[in-house]
C-alpha atoms as a PDB file:
ATOM      1  CA  MET A   1      84.881-127.465  73.281  1.00  0.00           C
ATOM      2  CA  LEU A   2      83.997-130.755  71.635  1.00  0.00           C
ATOM      3  CA  ARG A   3      82.334-131.996  74.819  1.00  0.00           C
ATOM      4  CA  ARG A   4      80.177-128.894  74.886  1.00  0.00           C
ATOM      5  CA  ALA A   5      79.175-129.281  71.264  1.00  0.00           C
ATOM      6  CA  VAL A   6      78.303-132.936  71.763  1.00  0.00           C
ATOM      7  CA  LEU A   7      76.102-132.014  74.807  1.00  0.00           C
ATOM      8  CA  VAL A   8      74.225-129.316  72.897  1.00  0.00           C
ATOM      9  CA  LEU A   9      73.751-131.630  69.881  1.00  0.00           C
ATOM     10  CA  ALA A  10      72.551-134.461  72.083  1.00  0.00           C
ATOM     11  CA  LEU A  11      69.990-132.226  73.798  1.00  0.00           C
ATOM     12  CA  LEU A  12      68.753-130.742  70.540  1.00  0.00           C
ATOM     13  CA  LEU A  13      68.392-134.183  68.905  1.00  0.00           C
ATOM     14  CA  ALA A  14      66.240-135.473  71.759  1.00  0.00           C
ATOM     15  CA  PRO A  15      63.050-133.445  71.280  1.00  0.00           C
ATOM     16  CA  PRO A  16      60.580-136.250  72.142  1.00  0.00           C
ATOM     17  CA  LEU A  17      62.047-136.599  75.678  1.00  0.00           C
ATOM     18  CA  ALA A  18      62.404-132.873  76.087  1.00  0.00           C
ATOM     19  CA  HIS A  19      58.862-132.097  74.884  1.00  0.00           C
ATOM     20  CA  ALA A  20      57.369-134.939  76.964  1.00  0.00           C
ATOM     21  CA  GLU A  21      58.876-133.543  80.120  1.00  0.00           C
ATOM     22  CA  ASP A  22      57.972-129.927  79.138  1.00  0.00           C
ATOM     23  CA  ARG A  23      54.327-131.019  79.308  1.00  0.00           C
ATOM     24  CA  SER A  24      54.722-132.606  82.747  1.00  0.00           C
ATOM     25  CA  ALA A  25      54.290-130.657  85.913  1.00  0.00           C
ATOM     26  CA  GLY A  26      58.025-130.995  86.656  1.00  0.00           C
ATOM     27  CA  GLY A  27      58.925-129.715  83.193  1.00  0.00           C
ATOM     28  CA  ARG A  28      56.562-126.743  83.541  1.00  0.00           C
ATOM     29  CA  ALA A  29      57.978-125.926  86.949  1.00  0.00           C
ATOM     30  CA  ALA A  30      61.514-126.110  85.625  1.00  0.00           C
ATOM     31  CA  GLU A  31      60.657-123.803  82.687  1.00  0.00           C
ATOM     32  CA  ALA A  32      58.998-121.328  85.075  1.00  0.00           C
ATOM     33  CA  ALA A  33      62.041-121.380  87.341  1.00  0.00           C
ATOM     34  CA  ILE A  34      64.390-120.759  84.379  1.00  0.00           C
ATOM     35  CA  ARG A  35      62.215-117.920  83.108  1.00  0.00           C
ATOM     36  CA  ALA A  36      62.250-116.387  86.598  1.00  0.00           C
ATOM     37  CA  ARG A  37      66.088-116.699  86.825  1.00  0.00           C
ATOM     38  CA  LEU A  38      66.504-114.939  83.428  1.00  0.00           C
ATOM     39  CA  ALA A  39      64.020-112.172  84.437  1.00  0.00           C
ATOM     40  CA  ALA A  40      65.944-111.696  87.707  1.00  0.00           C
ATOM     41  CA  TRP A  41      69.217-111.423  85.774  1.00  0.00           C
ATOM     42  CA  THR A  42      67.743-108.784  83.436  1.00  0.00           C
ATOM     43  CA  GLU A  43      66.405-106.785  86.363  1.00  0.00           C
ATOM     44  CA  ALA A  44      69.757-106.985  88.194  1.00  0.00           C
ATOM     45  CA  PHE A  45      71.683-105.874  85.087  1.00  0.00           C
ATOM     46  CA  ASN A  46      69.215-103.047  84.360  1.00  0.00           C
ATOM     47  CA  ARG A  47      69.557-101.655  87.868  1.00  0.00           C
ATOM     48  CA  GLY A  48      73.388-101.944  87.684  1.00  0.00           C
ATOM     49  CA  ASP A  49      73.769-104.774  90.268  1.00  0.00           C
ATOM     50  CA  ALA A  50      76.870-106.641  89.078  1.00  0.00           C
ATOM     51  CA  ALA A  51      76.934-109.023  92.056  1.00  0.00           C
ATOM     52  CA  ALA A  52      73.309-110.153  91.461  1.00  0.00           C
ATOM     53  CA  THR A  53      73.965-110.671  87.724  1.00  0.00           C
ATOM     54  CA  CYS A  54      76.653-113.203  88.607  1.00  0.00           C
ATOM     55  CA  ASP A  55      74.292-115.238  90.681  1.00  0.00           C
ATOM     56  CA  LEU A  56      72.765-116.720  87.550  1.00  0.00           C
ATOM     57  CA  PHE A  57      76.027-118.494  86.604  1.00  0.00           C
ATOM     58  CA  ALA A  58      77.304-121.813  87.860  1.00  0.00           C
ATOM     59  CA  ASP A  59      80.731-121.872  89.437  1.00  0.00           C
ATOM     60  CA  ASP A  60      82.066-124.020  86.586  1.00  0.00           C
ATOM     61  CA  LEU A  61      80.595-121.742  83.834  1.00  0.00           C
ATOM     62  CA  LYS A  62      82.190-121.897  80.429  1.00  0.00           C
ATOM     63  CA  SER A  63      81.216-119.340  77.819  1.00  0.00           C
ATOM     64  CA  ASP A  64      81.809-118.463  74.183  1.00  0.00           C
ATOM     65  CA  VAL A  65      80.869-114.927  73.143  1.00  0.00           C
ATOM     66  CA  GLN A  66      81.625-113.516  69.746  1.00  0.00           C
ATOM     67  CA  GLY A  67      84.501-111.026  69.969  1.00  0.00           C
ATOM     68  CA  ALA A  68      85.602-112.116  73.426  1.00  0.00           C
ATOM     69  CA  PRO A  69      87.925-114.879  74.587  1.00  0.00           C
ATOM     70  CA  ALA A  70      86.327-118.044  76.006  1.00  0.00           C
ATOM     71  CA  GLY A  71      85.438-117.292  79.561  1.00  0.00           C
ATOM     72  CA  ASP A  72      84.713-118.785  82.931  1.00  0.00           C
ATOM     73  CA  LYS A  73      82.564-117.319  85.670  1.00  0.00           C
ATOM     74  CA  ALA A  74      85.208-114.904  86.957  1.00  0.00           C
ATOM     75  CA  ALA A  75      85.925-113.498  83.486  1.00  0.00           C
ATOM     76  CA  VAL A  76      82.202-113.138  82.590  1.00  0.00           C
ATOM     77  CA  CYS A  77      81.409-111.445  85.947  1.00  0.00           C
ATOM     78  CA  ALA A  78      84.402-109.132  85.515  1.00  0.00           C
ATOM     79  CA  ARG A  79      83.285-108.164  81.964  1.00  0.00           C
ATOM     80  CA  ILE A  80      79.745-107.419  83.265  1.00  0.00           C
ATOM     81  CA  ALA A  81      81.011-105.398  86.188  1.00  0.00           C
ATOM     82  CA  ARG A  82      83.252-103.321  83.881  1.00  0.00           C
ATOM     83  CA  ALA A  83      80.390-102.684  81.422  1.00  0.00           C
ATOM     84  CA  LEU A  84      78.052-101.638  84.241  1.00  0.00           C
ATOM     85  CA  ALA A  85      80.679 -99.374  85.818  1.00  0.00           C
ATOM     86  CA  LYS A  86      81.523 -97.650  82.524  1.00  0.00           C
ATOM     87  CA  SER A  87      77.866 -97.233  81.481  1.00  0.00           C
ATOM     88  CA  GLY A  88      76.771 -95.145  84.438  1.00  0.00           C
ATOM     89  CA  GLY A  89      73.318 -96.764  84.369  1.00  0.00           C
ATOM     90  CA  LYS A  90      72.769 -96.095  80.681  1.00  0.00           C
ATOM     91  CA  LEU A  91      72.683 -99.722  79.484  1.00  0.00           C
ATOM     92  CA  ALA A  92      69.649-101.993  79.619  1.00  0.00           C
ATOM     93  CA  TYR A  93      68.977-105.543  78.423  1.00  0.00           C
ATOM     94  CA  ASP A  94      65.751-107.144  77.224  1.00  0.00           C
ATOM     95  CA  CYS A  95      65.571-110.954  77.098  1.00  0.00           C
ATOM     96  CA  GLN A  96      63.413-112.618  74.494  1.00  0.00           C
ATOM     97  CA  ILE A  97      63.093-116.400  75.210  1.00  0.00           C
ATOM     98  CA  HIS A  98      62.332-118.410  72.051  1.00  0.00           C
ATOM     99  CA  GLU A  99      62.427-121.967  73.407  1.00  0.00           C
ATOM    100  CA  ILE A 100      63.189-123.957  76.525  1.00  0.00           C
ATOM    101  CA  LEU A 101      63.868-127.664  76.298  1.00  0.00           C
ATOM    102  CA  VAL A 102      64.073-129.491  79.669  1.00  0.00           C
ATOM    103  CA  SER A 103      65.427-132.929  80.226  1.00  0.00           C
ATOM    104  CA  GLY A 104      65.951-133.926  83.850  1.00  0.00           C
ATOM    105  CA  ASP A 105      68.393-131.592  85.514  1.00  0.00           C
ATOM    106  CA  LEU A 106      69.549-130.012  82.181  1.00  0.00           C
ATOM    107  CA  ALA A 107      67.770-127.456  80.014  1.00  0.00           C
ATOM    108  CA  VAL A 108      68.637-125.668  76.819  1.00  0.00           C
ATOM    109  CA  VAL A 109      67.339-122.158  76.276  1.00  0.00           C
ATOM    110  CA  ARG A 110      67.375-120.436  72.870  1.00  0.00           C
ATOM    111  CA  LEU A 111      67.076-116.647  73.344  1.00  0.00           C
ATOM    112  CA  THR A 112      67.842-113.163  72.007  1.00  0.00           C
ATOM    113  CA  TRP A 113      69.296-110.318  74.094  1.00  0.00           C
ATOM    114  CA  VAL A 114      68.716-106.768  72.967  1.00  0.00           C
ATOM    115  CA  LEU A 115      71.045-104.192  74.508  1.00  0.00           C
ATOM    116  CA  THR A 116      69.788-100.633  74.521  1.00  0.00           C
ATOM    117  CA  GLU A 117      71.072 -97.300  75.729  1.00  0.00           C
ATOM    118  CA  ARG A 118      68.975 -95.151  78.072  1.00  0.00           C
ATOM    119  CA  PRO A 119      67.323 -92.720  77.800  1.00  0.00           C
ATOM    120  CA  GLY A 120      65.658 -93.202  74.475  1.00  0.00           C
ATOM    121  CA  GLY A 121      66.150 -96.922  74.073  1.00  0.00           C
ATOM    122  CA  ASN A 122      68.573 -96.766  71.143  1.00  0.00           C
ATOM    123  CA  ALA A 123      69.405-100.347  70.291  1.00  0.00           C
ATOM    124  CA  LEU A 124      73.122-101.065  70.585  1.00  0.00           C
ATOM    125  CA  SER A 125      73.156-104.724  69.770  1.00  0.00           C
ATOM    126  CA  ARG A 126      71.028-107.862  69.215  1.00  0.00           C
ATOM    127  CA  ASP A 127      72.636-111.101  70.322  1.00  0.00           C
ATOM    128  CA  GLU A 128      71.406-114.599  69.654  1.00  0.00           C
ATOM    129  CA  GLY A 129      72.365-117.249  72.155  1.00  0.00           C
ATOM    130  CA  MET A 130      71.941-120.599  73.633  1.00  0.00           C
ATOM    131  CA  ASP A 131      72.321-121.276  77.338  1.00  0.00           C
ATOM    132  CA  ILE A 132      72.613-124.667  78.982  1.00  0.00           C
ATOM    133  CA  PHE A 133      71.032-124.560  82.421  1.00  0.00           C
ATOM    134  CA  ARG A 134      71.732-127.140  85.139  1.00  0.00           C
ATOM    135  CA  ARG A 135      69.700-127.695  88.284  1.00  0.00           C
ATOM    136  CA  ASP A 136      72.426-127.737  90.967  1.00  0.00           C
ATOM    137  CA  ALA A 137      72.331-129.815  94.151  1.00  0.00           C
ATOM    138  CA  ASP A 138      70.609-126.882  95.954  1.00  0.00           C
ATOM    139  CA  GLY A 139      67.730-127.087  93.458  1.00  0.00           C
ATOM    140  CA  ILE A 140      68.605-123.753  91.813  1.00  0.00           C
ATOM    141  CA  TRP A 141      68.876-123.552  88.004  1.00  0.00           C
ATOM    142  CA  ARG A 142      72.134-121.907  86.875  1.00  0.00           C
ATOM    143  CA  ILE A 143      73.811-121.394  83.490  1.00  0.00           C
ATOM    144  CA  ALA A 144      76.630-123.872  83.187  1.00  0.00           C
ATOM    145  CA  ARG A 145      77.457-123.141  79.522  1.00  0.00           C
ATOM    146  CA  PHE A 146      76.436-120.453  77.092  1.00  0.00           C
ATOM    147  CA  MET A 147      77.171-119.179  73.560  1.00  0.00           C
ATOM    148  CA  ALA A 148      76.205-115.793  72.190  1.00  0.00           C
ATOM    149  CA  PHE A 149      76.824-114.040  68.908  1.00  0.00           C
ATOM    150  CA  THR A 150      75.868-110.595  67.695  1.00  0.00           C
ATOM    151  CA  VAL A 151      73.490-110.585  64.745  1.00  0.00           C
ATOM    152  CA  GLU A 152      72.983-106.834  64.642  1.00  0.00           C
ATOM    153  CA  SER A 153      74.807-103.932  66.207  1.00  0.00           C
ATOM    154  CA  ALA A 154      74.629-100.165  65.929  1.00  0.00           C
ATOM    155  CA  ARG A 155      78.112-100.252  64.316  1.00  0.00           C
ATOM    156  CA  THR A 156      77.101-102.714  61.545  1.00  0.00           C
ATOM    157  CA  SER A 157      73.459-101.745  61.014  1.00  0.00           C
ATOM    158  CA  GLY A 158      73.966 -98.022  60.630  1.00  0.00           C
ATOM    159  CA  GLY A 159      72.253 -97.419  64.043  1.00  0.00           C
ATOM    160  CA  LYS A 160      72.759 -94.330  66.087  1.00  0.00           C
END
């Protein structure tokens, strides 16, 4: 846990390096690849494809999600598969990327996920998060660490 916090803090305190690379061709390519990976995850979740959603995560994934025990890839993928199976195609996510900082083979993404119920698009929750992506040996960007916390839910905001 401490190692994770130190890594996040180090990446966040190094904006000149991150912004300099973001402006380079390599940084722009990395950002585009990460955006594409998040879009593919969203599409896979929204069509109910649990196996494809797990493709975004590194094998050594560690996660901290509000209201859930700390998880690894198997736990996160099992939680997604259960949610998709129970929802019967009624759940959909929208990803709003706020910032991507790239430094070499690591990137930090600050984002918001909005979970809605179909049809009608009733918002169920709004989660703020931070994902740490790593470009693996095969050149593919995967989430190695992530944290997410609910800032608004239908239960707490008086939603439907």
